Amino acid sequence: MNMNTVVTLSVVVFVALAAFAEWLSGRSSNGARTARDWKMMGLTTVVMTAIQRPVLLLVIAFVLTHIVPGSAGSLAWLEKDYFWPTLIVFFCVEELLHGAGHYFAHSRRPKARWAQVIQAYFKLSHRPHHMSGDDERGQVHVTQTFTNGWLWWFIMPNFWFQLLGLYLGLTQVFLIATMVKGLWAAHTHVNWNYDLYFHNHKWAWVRKAMWGLCHIITFPTQHHQHHSRSKNSAKNVCGTLAIYDWLIFDTLVIETKRPEIYGWKQSEKEKKSALYSYFNVDTSQYLQR
């Protein structure tokens, strides 16, 4: 079993257990999740594990082998001699790249036509991530951690960065950083809001401490707000390090209650077909006429 598989399976197992717990608690019923949502979970998980990750790694290996012969494993010394600094830098850069791509997918339409075309694919590919349950009854769910259109894995810069590090020999760094990032991102998608206990605590110092932590790390309710049908759906674009939302993207929003409505409105085709939602490449709705 290779490192890529270990990382994928660790997050998949967590998501599966959390999804089962949500189902047992009734948080997936009464329109909170639909059959289409469950099909999307299975489709995205299988394609990510069996196709997208391996294809990206193969492309990176093929290109670099021909452009820079002998580059495979060339940075292994960096991991061996400076493990913790390398791990921290890798984690922070990967999260910054993820935040930048995610921010672009939620930004206003750029003026340049070429930029509009690129952004249209980001928006369309990310759209399934914000579709949940029946209209106005949907809830955020742990399976949405993976859910995006099929192009998302191929256009987000952080995915290329992750696997580039693996190819260059940062094996343990890749394993730990990607696993921590994946597990934390999955936990912010679970239908729980334990952080609200601290946000609304009777002691002021607890509330202030939680408020301060939310400027550094992303907690569930912050990401729930990102999944809301409100102005906050373009906020909190970083899944792990909220400090980028605060200091770089200016997208930090801290609320002390759950969103009232989750998920974006869906077309009839999107409601009925997971295959349509996943493979749709019609970007016309995002292009200026």
C-alpha atoms as a PDB file:
ATOM      1  CA  MET A   1       0.000   0.000   0.000  1.00  0.00           C
ATOM      2  CA  ASN A   2       1.603   3.295  -1.094  1.00  0.00           C
ATOM      3  CA  MET A   3       1.512   6.611   0.741  1.00  0.00           C
ATOM      4  CA  ASN A   4      -1.040   8.096  -1.620  1.00  0.00           C
ATOM      5  CA  THR A   5      -3.451   5.282  -0.764  1.00  0.00           C
ATOM      6  CA  VAL A   6      -2.809   5.597   2.973  1.00  0.00           C
ATOM      7  CA  VAL A   7      -3.677   9.313   2.922  1.00  0.00           C
ATOM      8  CA  THR A   8      -6.807   8.773   0.871  1.00  0.00           C
ATOM      9  CA  LEU A   9      -8.080   5.871   2.963  1.00  0.00           C
ATOM     10  CA  SER A  10      -7.494   7.655   6.286  1.00  0.00           C
ATOM     11  CA  VAL A  11      -9.770  10.518   5.273  1.00  0.00           C
ATOM     12  CA  VAL A  12     -12.276   8.234   3.535  1.00  0.00           C
ATOM     13  CA  VAL A  13     -12.628   6.115   6.690  1.00  0.00           C
ATOM     14  CA  PHE A  14     -13.197   9.213   8.857  1.00  0.00           C
ATOM     15  CA  VAL A  15     -15.813  10.510   6.412  1.00  0.00           C
ATOM     16  CA  ALA A  16     -17.540   7.117   6.312  1.00  0.00           C
ATOM     17  CA  LEU A  17     -17.724   6.890  10.111  1.00  0.00           C
ATOM     18  CA  ALA A  18     -18.946  10.481  10.475  1.00  0.00           C
ATOM     19  CA  ALA A  19     -21.540   9.957   7.731  1.00  0.00           C
ATOM     20  CA  PHE A  20     -22.803   6.833   9.497  1.00  0.00           C
ATOM     21  CA  ALA A  21     -23.046   8.744  12.785  1.00  0.00           C
ATOM     22  CA  GLU A  22     -24.981  11.552  11.081  1.00  0.00           C
ATOM     23  CA  TRP A  23     -27.336   9.008   9.539  1.00  0.00           C
ATOM     24  CA  LEU A  24     -27.927   7.310  12.914  1.00  0.00           C
ATOM     25  CA  SER A  25     -28.644  10.665  14.570  1.00  0.00           C
ATOM     26  CA  GLY A  26     -31.239  11.564  11.936  1.00  0.00           C
ATOM     27  CA  ARG A  27     -29.269  14.500  10.586  1.00  0.00           C
ATOM     28  CA  SER A  28     -29.428  13.089   7.076  1.00  0.00           C
ATOM     29  CA  SER A  29     -33.219  12.696   6.971  1.00  0.00           C
ATOM     30  CA  ASN A  30     -36.209  14.943   6.206  1.00  0.00           C
ATOM     31  CA  GLY A  31     -34.613  16.437   3.118  1.00  0.00           C
ATOM     32  CA  ALA A  32     -31.244  17.161   4.743  1.00  0.00           C
ATOM     33  CA  ARG A  33     -29.702  14.735   2.248  1.00  0.00           C
ATOM     34  CA  THR A  34     -31.158  13.248  -0.910  1.00  0.00           C
ATOM     35  CA  ALA A  35     -30.436  10.142  -2.979  1.00  0.00           C
ATOM     36  CA  ARG A  36     -28.535  12.369  -5.398  1.00  0.00           C
ATOM     37  CA  ASP A  37     -26.267  13.529  -2.565  1.00  0.00           C
ATOM     38  CA  TRP A  38     -25.367   9.969  -1.609  1.00  0.00           C
ATOM     39  CA  LYS A  39     -24.690   9.080  -5.239  1.00  0.00           C
ATOM     40  CA  MET A  40     -22.430  12.125  -5.534  1.00  0.00           C
ATOM     41  CA  MET A  41     -20.506  10.932  -2.468  1.00  0.00           C
ATOM     42  CA  GLY A  42     -19.865   7.525  -3.990  1.00  0.00           C
ATOM     43  CA  LEU A  43     -19.046   8.896  -7.426  1.00  0.00           C
ATOM     44  CA  THR A  44     -16.593  11.552  -6.243  1.00  0.00           C
ATOM     45  CA  THR A  45     -14.859   9.235  -3.772  1.00  0.00           C
ATOM     46  CA  VAL A  46     -14.314   6.453  -6.287  1.00  0.00           C
ATOM     47  CA  VAL A  47     -13.123   8.754  -9.081  1.00  0.00           C
ATOM     48  CA  MET A  48     -10.811  10.694  -6.740  1.00  0.00           C
ATOM     49  CA  THR A  49      -9.221   7.541  -5.362  1.00  0.00           C
ATOM     50  CA  ALA A  50      -9.049   5.399  -8.490  1.00  0.00           C
ATOM     51  CA  ILE A  51      -8.493   7.988 -11.217  1.00  0.00           C
ATOM     52  CA  GLN A  52      -7.795  11.604 -10.321  1.00  0.00           C
ATOM     53  CA  ARG A  53      -4.968  11.265  -7.778  1.00  0.00           C
ATOM     54  CA  PRO A  54      -3.125   8.585  -9.789  1.00  0.00           C
ATOM     55  CA  VAL A  55      -3.520  10.544 -13.042  1.00  0.00           C
ATOM     56  CA  LEU A  56      -2.123  13.742 -11.503  1.00  0.00           C
ATOM     57  CA  LEU A  57       0.835  11.857 -10.076  1.00  0.00           C
ATOM     58  CA  LEU A  58       1.505  10.140 -13.406  1.00  0.00           C
ATOM     59  CA  VAL A  59       1.367  13.454 -15.289  1.00  0.00           C
ATOM     60  CA  ILE A  60       3.799  15.070 -12.849  1.00  0.00           C
ATOM     61  CA  ALA A  61       6.153  12.096 -13.050  1.00  0.00           C
ATOM     62  CA  PHE A  62       6.004  11.943 -16.856  1.00  0.00           C
ATOM     63  CA  VAL A  63       6.635  15.657 -17.368  1.00  0.00           C
ATOM     64  CA  LEU A  64       9.426  16.066 -14.819  1.00  0.00           C
ATOM     65  CA  THR A  65      11.156  12.856 -15.834  1.00  0.00           C
ATOM     66  CA  HIS A  66      11.559  14.285 -19.336  1.00  0.00           C
ATOM     67  CA  ILE A  67      12.224  17.911 -18.402  1.00  0.00           C
ATOM     68  CA  VAL A  68      14.398  17.339 -15.326  1.00  0.00           C
ATOM     69  CA  PRO A  69      15.862  13.811 -15.455  1.00  0.00           C
ATOM     70  CA  GLY A  70      16.664  12.468 -12.017  1.00  0.00           C
ATOM     71  CA  SER A  71      14.260  14.821 -10.246  1.00  0.00           C
ATOM     72  CA  ALA A  72      12.288  11.986  -8.633  1.00  0.00           C
ATOM     73  CA  GLY A  73      13.097  11.959  -4.930  1.00  0.00           C
ATOM     74  CA  SER A  74      15.528  14.847  -5.289  1.00  0.00           C
ATOM     75  CA  LEU A  75      14.216  16.664  -2.206  1.00  0.00           C
ATOM     76  CA  ALA A  76      14.278  13.666   0.108  1.00  0.00           C
ATOM     77  CA  TRP A  77      17.311  15.188   1.866  1.00  0.00           C
ATOM     78  CA  LEU A  78      15.218  18.193   2.842  1.00  0.00           C
ATOM     79  CA  GLU A  79      12.736  15.977   4.643  1.00  0.00           C
ATOM     80  CA  LYS A  80      15.516  13.964   6.265  1.00  0.00           C
ATOM     81  CA  ASP A  81      17.571  16.929   7.551  1.00  0.00           C
ATOM     82  CA  TYR A  82      14.853  19.542   8.191  1.00  0.00           C
ATOM     83  CA  PHE A  83      11.673  17.557   8.721  1.00  0.00           C
ATOM     84  CA  TRP A  84       9.619  19.910  10.901  1.00  0.00           C
ATOM     85  CA  PRO A  85      10.409  23.164   9.052  1.00  0.00           C
ATOM     86  CA  THR A  86       9.697  21.389   5.751  1.00  0.00           C
ATOM     87  CA  LEU A  87       6.418  20.005   7.075  1.00  0.00           C
ATOM     88  CA  ILE A  88       5.262  23.409   8.330  1.00  0.00           C
ATOM     89  CA  VAL A  89       6.190  25.191   5.100  1.00  0.00           C
ATOM     90  CA  PHE A  90       4.595  22.473   2.972  1.00  0.00           C
ATOM     91  CA  PHE A  91       1.370  22.614   4.995  1.00  0.00           C
ATOM     92  CA  CYS A  92       1.162  26.407   4.908  1.00  0.00           C
ATOM     93  CA  VAL A  93       1.918  26.695   1.183  1.00  0.00           C
ATOM     94  CA  GLU A  94      -0.569  23.953   0.303  1.00  0.00           C
ATOM     95  CA  GLU A  95      -3.316  25.640   2.315  1.00  0.00           C
ATOM     96  CA  LEU A  96      -2.511  29.021   0.781  1.00  0.00           C
ATOM     97  CA  LEU A  97      -2.793  27.559  -2.732  1.00  0.00           C
ATOM     98  CA  HIS A  98      -6.069  25.898  -1.818  1.00  0.00           C
ATOM     99  CA  GLY A  99      -7.421  29.129  -0.369  1.00  0.00           C
ATOM    100  CA  ALA A 100      -6.376  31.074  -3.471  1.00  0.00           C
ATOM    101  CA  GLY A 101      -8.095  28.658  -5.866  1.00  0.00           C
ATOM    102  CA  HIS A 102     -11.187  28.511  -3.678  1.00  0.00           C
ATOM    103  CA  TYR A 103     -11.248  32.303  -3.356  1.00  0.00           C
ATOM    104  CA  PHE A 104     -11.051  32.623  -7.156  1.00  0.00           C
ATOM    105  CA  ALA A 105     -14.033  30.283  -7.497  1.00  0.00           C
ATOM    106  CA  HIS A 106     -16.114  32.569  -5.275  1.00  0.00           C
ATOM    107  CA  SER A 107     -14.854  35.933  -6.519  1.00  0.00           C
ATOM    108  CA  ARG A 108     -16.718  38.416  -8.653  1.00  0.00           C
ATOM    109  CA  ARG A 109     -16.449  38.002 -12.395  1.00  0.00           C
ATOM    110  CA  PRO A 110     -13.159  39.466 -13.686  1.00  0.00           C
ATOM    111  CA  LYS A 111     -13.177  41.994 -16.520  1.00  0.00           C
ATOM    112  CA  ALA A 112     -10.813  40.165 -18.876  1.00  0.00           C
ATOM    113  CA  ARG A 113     -12.534  37.606 -21.086  1.00  0.00           C
ATOM    114  CA  TRP A 114      -9.773  35.016 -20.703  1.00  0.00           C
ATOM    115  CA  ALA A 115     -10.017  35.286 -16.910  1.00  0.00           C
ATOM    116  CA  GLN A 116     -13.800  34.912 -17.103  1.00  0.00           C
ATOM    117  CA  VAL A 117     -13.402  31.663 -19.025  1.00  0.00           C
ATOM    118  CA  ILE A 118     -10.951  30.241 -16.500  1.00  0.00           C
ATOM    119  CA  GLN A 119     -13.081  31.333 -13.554  1.00  0.00           C
ATOM    120  CA  ALA A 120     -16.200  29.834 -15.153  1.00  0.00           C
ATOM    121  CA  TYR A 121     -14.641  26.378 -14.900  1.00  0.00           C
ATOM    122  CA  PHE A 122     -13.659  26.986 -11.289  1.00  0.00           C
ATOM    123  CA  LYS A 123     -17.199  28.092 -10.427  1.00  0.00           C
ATOM    124  CA  LEU A 124     -18.916  25.278 -12.296  1.00  0.00           C
ATOM    125  CA  SER A 125     -16.589  22.608 -10.918  1.00  0.00           C
ATOM    126  CA  HIS A 126     -17.059  23.873  -7.369  1.00  0.00           C
ATOM    127  CA  ARG A 127     -20.818  24.231  -7.629  1.00  0.00           C
ATOM    128  CA  PRO A 128     -21.660  20.627  -6.550  1.00  0.00           C
ATOM    129  CA  HIS A 129     -19.832  21.252  -3.277  1.00  0.00           C
ATOM    130  CA  HIS A 130     -22.542  23.750  -2.338  1.00  0.00           C
ATOM    131  CA  MET A 131     -25.554  21.663  -3.354  1.00  0.00           C
ATOM    132  CA  SER A 132     -27.115  19.848  -0.436  1.00  0.00           C
ATOM    133  CA  GLY A 133     -30.444  18.171   0.180  1.00  0.00           C
ATOM    134  CA  ASP A 134     -33.838  19.547  -0.776  1.00  0.00           C
ATOM    135  CA  ASP A 135     -34.207  23.269  -1.366  1.00  0.00           C
ATOM    136  CA  GLU A 136     -34.125  25.159   1.963  1.00  0.00           C
ATOM    137  CA  ARG A 137     -34.013  21.854   3.887  1.00  0.00           C
ATOM    138  CA  GLY A 138     -30.482  20.756   3.115  1.00  0.00           C
ATOM    139  CA  GLN A 139     -27.774  20.561   5.748  1.00  0.00           C
ATOM    140  CA  VAL A 140     -24.009  20.537   5.516  1.00  0.00           C
ATOM    141  CA  HIS A 141     -22.742  16.962   5.567  1.00  0.00           C
ATOM    142  CA  VAL A 142     -19.336  15.366   5.978  1.00  0.00           C
ATOM    143  CA  THR A 143     -19.530  13.770   2.519  1.00  0.00           C
ATOM    144  CA  GLN A 144     -19.363  17.241   0.987  1.00  0.00           C
ATOM    145  CA  THR A 145     -15.673  17.275   1.880  1.00  0.00           C
ATOM    146  CA  PHE A 146     -14.951  15.516  -1.420  1.00  0.00           C
ATOM    147  CA  THR A 147     -17.900  16.612  -3.504  1.00  0.00           C
ATOM    148  CA  ASN A 148     -16.989  18.789  -6.475  1.00  0.00           C
ATOM    149  CA  GLY A 149     -17.226  18.531 -10.233  1.00  0.00           C
ATOM    150  CA  TRP A 150     -14.763  16.227 -11.983  1.00  0.00           C
ATOM    151  CA  LEU A 151     -12.545  19.114 -13.170  1.00  0.00           C
ATOM    152  CA  TRP A 152     -11.887  20.419  -9.655  1.00  0.00           C
ATOM    153  CA  TRP A 153      -9.045  18.003  -8.989  1.00  0.00           C
ATOM    154  CA  PHE A 154      -7.323  18.978 -12.210  1.00  0.00           C
ATOM    155  CA  ILE A 155      -7.543  22.769 -11.879  1.00  0.00           C
ATOM    156  CA  MET A 156      -6.871  23.402  -8.195  1.00  0.00           C
ATOM    157  CA  PRO A 157      -3.184  24.316  -7.672  1.00  0.00           C
ATOM    158  CA  ASN A 158      -2.868  22.739  -4.224  1.00  0.00           C
ATOM    159  CA  PHE A 159      -3.559  19.244  -5.553  1.00  0.00           C
ATOM    160  CA  TRP A 160      -0.681  19.574  -8.014  1.00  0.00           C
ATOM    161  CA  PHE A 161       1.512  20.940  -5.220  1.00  0.00           C
ATOM    162  CA  GLN A 162       0.699  18.004  -2.908  1.00  0.00           C
ATOM    163  CA  LEU A 163       1.646  15.363  -5.444  1.00  0.00           C
ATOM    164  CA  LEU A 164       4.649  17.321  -6.708  1.00  0.00           C
ATOM    165  CA  GLY A 165       6.034  17.161  -3.174  1.00  0.00           C
ATOM    166  CA  LEU A 166       5.392  13.428  -3.099  1.00  0.00           C
ATOM    167  CA  TYR A 167       7.185  12.933  -6.428  1.00  0.00           C
ATOM    168  CA  LEU A 168      10.173  14.991  -5.245  1.00  0.00           C
ATOM    169  CA  GLY A 169      10.652  12.731  -2.246  1.00  0.00           C
ATOM    170  CA  LEU A 170       8.787  14.526   0.546  1.00  0.00           C
ATOM    171  CA  THR A 171       7.011  11.289   1.352  1.00  0.00           C
ATOM    172  CA  GLN A 172       6.471  11.635   5.108  1.00  0.00           C
ATOM    173  CA  VAL A 173       5.784  15.363   4.802  1.00  0.00           C
ATOM    174  CA  PHE A 174       3.153  14.679   2.165  1.00  0.00           C
ATOM    175  CA  LEU A 175       1.606  11.916   4.256  1.00  0.00           C
ATOM    176  CA  ILE A 176       1.314  13.877   7.494  1.00  0.00           C
ATOM    177  CA  ALA A 177       0.418  17.279   6.028  1.00  0.00           C
ATOM    178  CA  THR A 178      -2.186  15.927   3.635  1.00  0.00           C
ATOM    179  CA  MET A 179      -3.699  13.646   6.247  1.00  0.00           C
ATOM    180  CA  VAL A 180      -3.993  16.430   8.844  1.00  0.00           C
ATOM    181  CA  LYS A 181      -5.389  18.824   6.236  1.00  0.00           C
ATOM    182  CA  GLY A 182      -7.883  16.251   4.973  1.00  0.00           C
ATOM    183  CA  LEU A 183      -9.086  15.180   8.409  1.00  0.00           C
ATOM    184  CA  TRP A 184      -9.497  18.762   9.623  1.00  0.00           C
ATOM    185  CA  ALA A 185     -11.356  19.760   6.473  1.00  0.00           C
ATOM    186  CA  ALA A 186     -13.606  16.716   6.842  1.00  0.00           C
ATOM    187  CA  HIS A 187     -14.352  17.565  10.476  1.00  0.00           C
ATOM    188  CA  THR A 188     -15.452  21.107   9.539  1.00  0.00           C
ATOM    189  CA  HIS A 189     -18.028  19.567   7.171  1.00  0.00           C
ATOM    190  CA  VAL A 190     -19.574  17.278   9.789  1.00  0.00           C
ATOM    191  CA  ASN A 191     -23.011  18.457  10.933  1.00  0.00           C
ATOM    192  CA  TRP A 192     -21.888  19.596  14.363  1.00  0.00           C
ATOM    193  CA  ASN A 193     -21.202  22.985  15.911  1.00  0.00           C
ATOM    194  CA  TYR A 194     -19.248  22.305  19.101  1.00  0.00           C
ATOM    195  CA  ASP A 195     -17.464  25.643  18.684  1.00  0.00           C
ATOM    196  CA  LEU A 196     -20.710  27.497  19.403  1.00  0.00           C
ATOM    197  CA  TYR A 197     -20.489  26.257  22.998  1.00  0.00           C
ATOM    198  CA  PHE A 198     -17.327  28.358  23.385  1.00  0.00           C
ATOM    199  CA  HIS A 199     -18.575  31.285  21.316  1.00  0.00           C
ATOM    200  CA  ASN A 200     -21.616  31.608  23.582  1.00  0.00           C
ATOM    201  CA  HIS A 201     -20.005  30.621  26.886  1.00  0.00           C
ATOM    202  CA  LYS A 202     -21.050  32.507  29.999  1.00  0.00           C
ATOM    203  CA  TRP A 203     -17.430  33.430  30.736  1.00  0.00           C
ATOM    204  CA  ALA A 204     -16.138  36.318  28.649  1.00  0.00           C
ATOM    205  CA  TRP A 205     -12.536  35.057  28.555  1.00  0.00           C
ATOM    206  CA  VAL A 206     -13.689  31.789  26.961  1.00  0.00           C
ATOM    207  CA  ARG A 207     -15.660  33.675  24.301  1.00  0.00           C
ATOM    208  CA  LYS A 208     -12.702  35.987  23.598  1.00  0.00           C
ATOM    209  CA  ALA A 209     -10.250  33.081  23.418  1.00  0.00           C
ATOM    210  CA  MET A 210     -12.484  31.289  20.917  1.00  0.00           C
ATOM    211  CA  TRP A 211     -12.860  34.477  18.905  1.00  0.00           C
ATOM    212  CA  GLY A 212      -9.081  34.780  18.753  1.00  0.00           C
ATOM    213  CA  LEU A 213      -8.594  31.130  17.749  1.00  0.00           C
ATOM    214  CA  CYS A 214     -11.053  31.588  14.885  1.00  0.00           C
ATOM    215  CA  HIS A 215      -8.641  34.105  13.385  1.00  0.00           C
ATOM    216  CA  ILE A 216      -5.993  31.369  13.168  1.00  0.00           C
ATOM    217  CA  ILE A 217      -7.824  28.067  12.645  1.00  0.00           C
ATOM    218  CA  THR A 218     -11.066  27.269  10.817  1.00  0.00           C
ATOM    219  CA  PHE A 219     -13.774  25.712  13.014  1.00  0.00           C
ATOM    220  CA  PRO A 220     -17.013  23.980  11.928  1.00  0.00           C
ATOM    221  CA  THR A 221     -19.419  26.905  12.230  1.00  0.00           C
ATOM    222  CA  GLN A 222     -17.090  29.113  10.200  1.00  0.00           C
ATOM    223  CA  HIS A 223     -17.205  26.632   7.352  1.00  0.00           C
ATOM    224  CA  HIS A 224     -20.927  26.079   7.848  1.00  0.00           C
ATOM    225  CA  GLN A 225     -21.366  29.787   7.160  1.00  0.00           C
ATOM    226  CA  HIS A 226     -19.468  29.262   3.906  1.00  0.00           C
ATOM    227  CA  HIS A 227     -22.091  26.634   3.009  1.00  0.00           C
ATOM    228  CA  SER A 228     -24.994  28.914   3.869  1.00  0.00           C
ATOM    229  CA  ARG A 229     -27.342  30.559   1.405  1.00  0.00           C
ATOM    230  CA  SER A 230     -26.332  34.049   2.396  1.00  0.00           C
ATOM    231  CA  LYS A 231     -23.656  36.656   1.801  1.00  0.00           C
ATOM    232  CA  ASN A 232     -21.367  34.481   3.909  1.00  0.00           C
ATOM    233  CA  SER A 233     -21.217  31.769   1.235  1.00  0.00           C
ATOM    234  CA  ALA A 234     -18.280  33.635  -0.308  1.00  0.00           C
ATOM    235  CA  LYS A 235     -16.514  33.922   3.061  1.00  0.00           C
ATOM    236  CA  ASN A 236     -14.218  31.601   5.048  1.00  0.00           C
ATOM    237  CA  VAL A 237     -12.621  30.041   1.970  1.00  0.00           C
ATOM    238  CA  CYS A 238      -9.801  28.346   3.894  1.00  0.00           C
ATOM    239  CA  GLY A 239     -10.601  24.934   5.311  1.00  0.00           C
ATOM    240  CA  THR A 240      -7.812  24.813   7.876  1.00  0.00           C
ATOM    241  CA  LEU A 241      -5.905  28.081   8.396  1.00  0.00           C
ATOM    242  CA  ALA A 242      -8.316  30.950   8.940  1.00  0.00           C
ATOM    243  CA  ILE A 243      -5.380  33.311   9.251  1.00  0.00           C
ATOM    244  CA  TYR A 244      -5.334  33.497   5.431  1.00  0.00           C
ATOM    245  CA  ASP A 245      -9.020  34.455   5.419  1.00  0.00           C
ATOM    246  CA  TRP A 246      -8.181  37.143   7.936  1.00  0.00           C
ATOM    247  CA  LEU A 247      -4.907  38.598   6.625  1.00  0.00           C
ATOM    248  CA  ILE A 248      -4.785  37.757   2.903  1.00  0.00           C
ATOM    249  CA  PHE A 249      -8.216  37.174   1.347  1.00  0.00           C
ATOM    250  CA  ASP A 250     -10.262  39.421   3.681  1.00  0.00           C
ATOM    251  CA  THR A 251     -12.941  36.733   3.828  1.00  0.00           C
ATOM    252  CA  LEU A 252     -13.029  35.952   7.536  1.00  0.00           C
ATOM    253  CA  VAL A 253     -16.490  35.850   9.098  1.00  0.00           C
ATOM    254  CA  ILE A 254     -17.155  34.676  12.650  1.00  0.00           C
ATOM    255  CA  GLU A 255     -20.760  33.991  13.637  1.00  0.00           C
ATOM    256  CA  THR A 256     -22.174  32.798  16.950  1.00  0.00           C
ATOM    257  CA  LYS A 257     -25.029  30.739  15.514  1.00  0.00           C
ATOM    258  CA  ARG A 258     -25.683  28.205  12.775  1.00  0.00           C
ATOM    259  CA  PRO A 259     -26.793  29.341   9.310  1.00  0.00           C
ATOM    260  CA  GLU A 260     -30.524  29.509   8.738  1.00  0.00           C
ATOM    261  CA  ILE A 261     -30.410  27.939   5.257  1.00  0.00           C
ATOM    262  CA  TYR A 262     -27.720  25.699   3.789  1.00  0.00           C
ATOM    263  CA  GLY A 263     -26.842  25.073   0.162  1.00  0.00           C
ATOM    264  CA  TRP A 264     -27.313  26.846  -3.147  1.00  0.00           C
ATOM    265  CA  LYS A 265     -30.420  26.597  -5.269  1.00  0.00           C
ATOM    266  CA  GLN A 266     -30.307  23.720  -7.728  1.00  0.00           C
ATOM    267  CA  SER A 267     -31.682  23.320 -11.231  1.00  0.00           C
ATOM    268  CA  GLU A 268     -34.086  20.459 -11.947  1.00  0.00           C
ATOM    269  CA  LYS A 269     -31.327  18.563 -13.763  1.00  0.00           C
ATOM    270  CA  GLU A 270     -28.992  18.958 -10.809  1.00  0.00           C
ATOM    271  CA  LYS A 271     -31.641  17.719  -8.384  1.00  0.00           C
ATOM    272  CA  LYS A 272     -32.301  14.582 -10.388  1.00  0.00           C
ATOM    273  CA  SER A 273     -28.915  13.482 -11.679  1.00  0.00           C
ATOM    274  CA  ALA A 274     -25.608  13.047  -9.883  1.00  0.00           C
ATOM    275  CA  LEU A 275     -23.950  12.272 -13.206  1.00  0.00           C
ATOM    276  CA  TYR A 276     -25.143  15.571 -14.676  1.00  0.00           C
ATOM    277  CA  SER A 277     -23.961  17.541 -11.644  1.00  0.00           C
ATOM    278  CA  TYR A 278     -20.576  15.852 -11.670  1.00  0.00           C
ATOM    279  CA  PHE A 279     -19.786  15.908 -15.400  1.00  0.00           C
ATOM    280  CA  ASN A 280     -21.539  19.123 -16.478  1.00  0.00           C
ATOM    281  CA  VAL A 281     -19.167  21.423 -18.406  1.00  0.00           C
ATOM    282  CA  ASP A 282     -21.625  24.070 -19.616  1.00  0.00           C
ATOM    283  CA  THR A 283     -20.037  27.275 -18.309  1.00  0.00           C
ATOM    284  CA  SER A 284     -22.332  29.675 -20.185  1.00  0.00           C
ATOM    285  CA  GLN A 285     -24.125  30.825 -17.022  1.00  0.00           C
ATOM    286  CA  TYR A 286     -20.850  32.233 -15.682  1.00  0.00           C
ATOM    287  CA  LEU A 287     -19.727  34.072 -18.815  1.00  0.00           C
ATOM    288  CA  GLN A 288     -20.629  37.670 -19.594  1.00  0.00           C
ATOM    289  CA  ARG A 289     -22.575  37.976 -22.827  1.00  0.00           C
END
